Structure formats: C-alpha cells, structure tokens
Amino acid sequence: MYISKEKKKEIFKNHSKSENDTGSSESQIALFTLRINHLSNHLKINKKDFNTERALVKLVGKRRSLLDYLKDKDIERYRSIIKKLNLRK
C-alpha cells in the first residue's frame, strides 16, 4: 500500500497528542488529507477511474465532517490543523 507503517506513525506523531493517539480528529484529518492527495494524483493520470473518484469524494466528505466537528468543539484546534495542512488559502 502507498502508506507505510512508518509514514502513519510519523503522521500520528506530528498531528496528535502522542504516537499512540490514532483516533483524535487532528490525526484522522491528517491521514485523510494524505490519502486525498494520493488519490488526486492518481486521478490526474487515470481520468476514467470512476471507482477511485467515488472513493475520493467519500473521503473528502469524511474529512469535511471531521473538520466541522472540530470547528464546533474547539476553534483553535481547527485553525491550527488548517494551518498545518494548508487546507485553506
């Protein structure tokens, strides 16, 4: 798979409270962002891969709902994750 265990550990280490904290909103958003970027690059090459396109749309929706949750719960954590991942311009 395109995401190795080391890469996942690095993501969880950088975007959560600890390496073992894999369920926090920030770590999940960071992981979804990595997967979204990978699928976007795949779709640039394979324009007719509609199953991947559907998976990408579902992932974007999941990330959006997590971001909305984080925005309602703690606006500062929301702003920091947006800034770290460069999601808004």
Protein backbone atom coordinates (compact mmCIF):
# COMPACT_ATOMS: atom_id res chain seq x y z
CA MET A 1 0.00 0.00 0.00
CA TYR A 2 1.11 3.56 -0.52
CA ILE A 3 1.07 4.41 3.20
CA SER A 4 3.68 2.53 5.18
CA LYS A 5 3.52 1.94 8.92
CA GLU A 6 6.37 4.39 9.42
CA LYS A 7 4.56 7.09 7.46
CA LYS A 8 1.41 6.58 9.55
CA LYS A 9 3.40 6.76 12.78
CA GLU A 10 5.00 9.99 11.59
CA ILE A 11 1.60 11.49 10.77
CA PHE A 12 0.16 10.49 14.15
CA LYS A 13 3.26 11.78 15.93
CA ASN A 14 3.11 15.18 14.20
CA HIS A 15 -0.65 15.78 14.39
CA SER A 16 -1.80 14.27 17.67
CA LYS A 17 -1.00 14.29 21.35
CA SER A 18 1.08 11.09 21.21
CA GLU A 19 2.17 8.40 18.76
CA ASN A 20 -0.50 6.03 20.03
CA ASP A 21 -3.30 8.59 19.69
CA THR A 22 -4.70 7.46 16.35
CA GLY A 23 -8.31 8.45 16.93
CA SER A 24 -8.07 12.17 17.52
CA SER A 25 -9.70 14.43 14.98
CA GLU A 26 -6.41 16.06 14.00
CA SER A 27 -4.68 12.77 13.28
CA GLN A 28 -7.63 11.44 11.29
CA ILE A 29 -7.84 14.66 9.25
CA ALA A 30 -4.11 14.47 8.52
CA LEU A 31 -4.39 10.84 7.40
CA PHE A 32 -7.41 11.62 5.21
CA THR A 33 -5.51 14.54 3.67
CA LEU A 34 -2.60 12.27 2.76
CA ARG A 35 -4.97 9.76 1.17
CA ILE A 36 -6.87 12.52 -0.67
CA ASN A 37 -3.64 13.89 -2.12
CA HIS A 38 -2.60 10.42 -3.25
CA LEU A 39 -5.96 9.72 -4.91
CA SER A 40 -5.96 13.14 -6.57
CA ASN A 41 -2.58 12.44 -8.14
CA HIS A 42 -3.82 9.01 -9.27
CA LEU A 43 -6.85 10.59 -10.93
CA LYS A 44 -4.71 13.09 -12.81
CA ILE A 45 -3.11 10.13 -14.58
CA ASN A 46 -6.18 7.84 -14.80
CA LYS A 47 -9.03 10.15 -15.73
CA LYS A 48 -11.61 7.38 -16.30
CA ASP A 49 -11.13 5.61 -12.97
CA PHE A 50 -14.60 6.32 -11.61
CA ASN A 51 -14.36 3.99 -8.60
CA THR A 52 -11.36 5.92 -7.31
CA GLU A 53 -13.19 9.16 -7.99
CA ARG A 54 -16.10 7.96 -5.86
CA ALA A 55 -13.74 6.93 -3.06
CA LEU A 56 -12.12 10.36 -3.24
CA VAL A 57 -15.47 12.13 -2.91
CA LYS A 58 -16.36 9.98 0.12
CA LEU A 59 -13.00 10.75 1.76
CA VAL A 60 -13.43 14.47 1.19
CA GLY A 61 -16.87 14.25 2.81
CA LYS A 62 -15.47 12.40 5.83
CA ARG A 63 -12.71 14.96 6.23
CA ARG A 64 -15.23 17.78 5.88
CA SER A 65 -17.44 16.34 8.61
CA LEU A 66 -14.46 15.90 10.94
CA LEU A 67 -13.41 19.49 10.27
CA ASP A 68 -16.93 20.70 11.01
CA TYR A 69 -16.95 18.73 14.27
CA LEU A 70 -13.61 20.18 15.28
CA LYS A 71 -14.75 23.68 14.36
CA ASP A 72 -17.78 23.34 16.67
CA LYS A 73 -15.81 21.79 19.54
CA ASP A 74 -12.57 23.79 19.60
CA ILE A 75 -11.94 26.58 17.08
CA GLU A 76 -8.25 26.90 17.98
CA ARG A 77 -7.52 23.24 17.21
CA TYR A 78 -9.46 23.68 13.95
CA ARG A 79 -7.40 26.71 12.96
CA SER A 80 -4.12 25.01 13.83
CA ILE A 81 -4.85 21.88 11.76
CA ILE A 82 -5.98 24.01 8.80
CA LYS A 83 -2.75 25.96 9.00
CA LYS A 84 -0.53 22.86 9.40
CA LEU A 85 -2.05 21.05 6.43
CA ASN A 86 -2.52 24.14 4.21
CA LEU A 87 -6.17 23.28 3.52
CA ARG A 88 -7.36 26.85 3.02
CA LYS A 89 -5.67 29.59 1.10
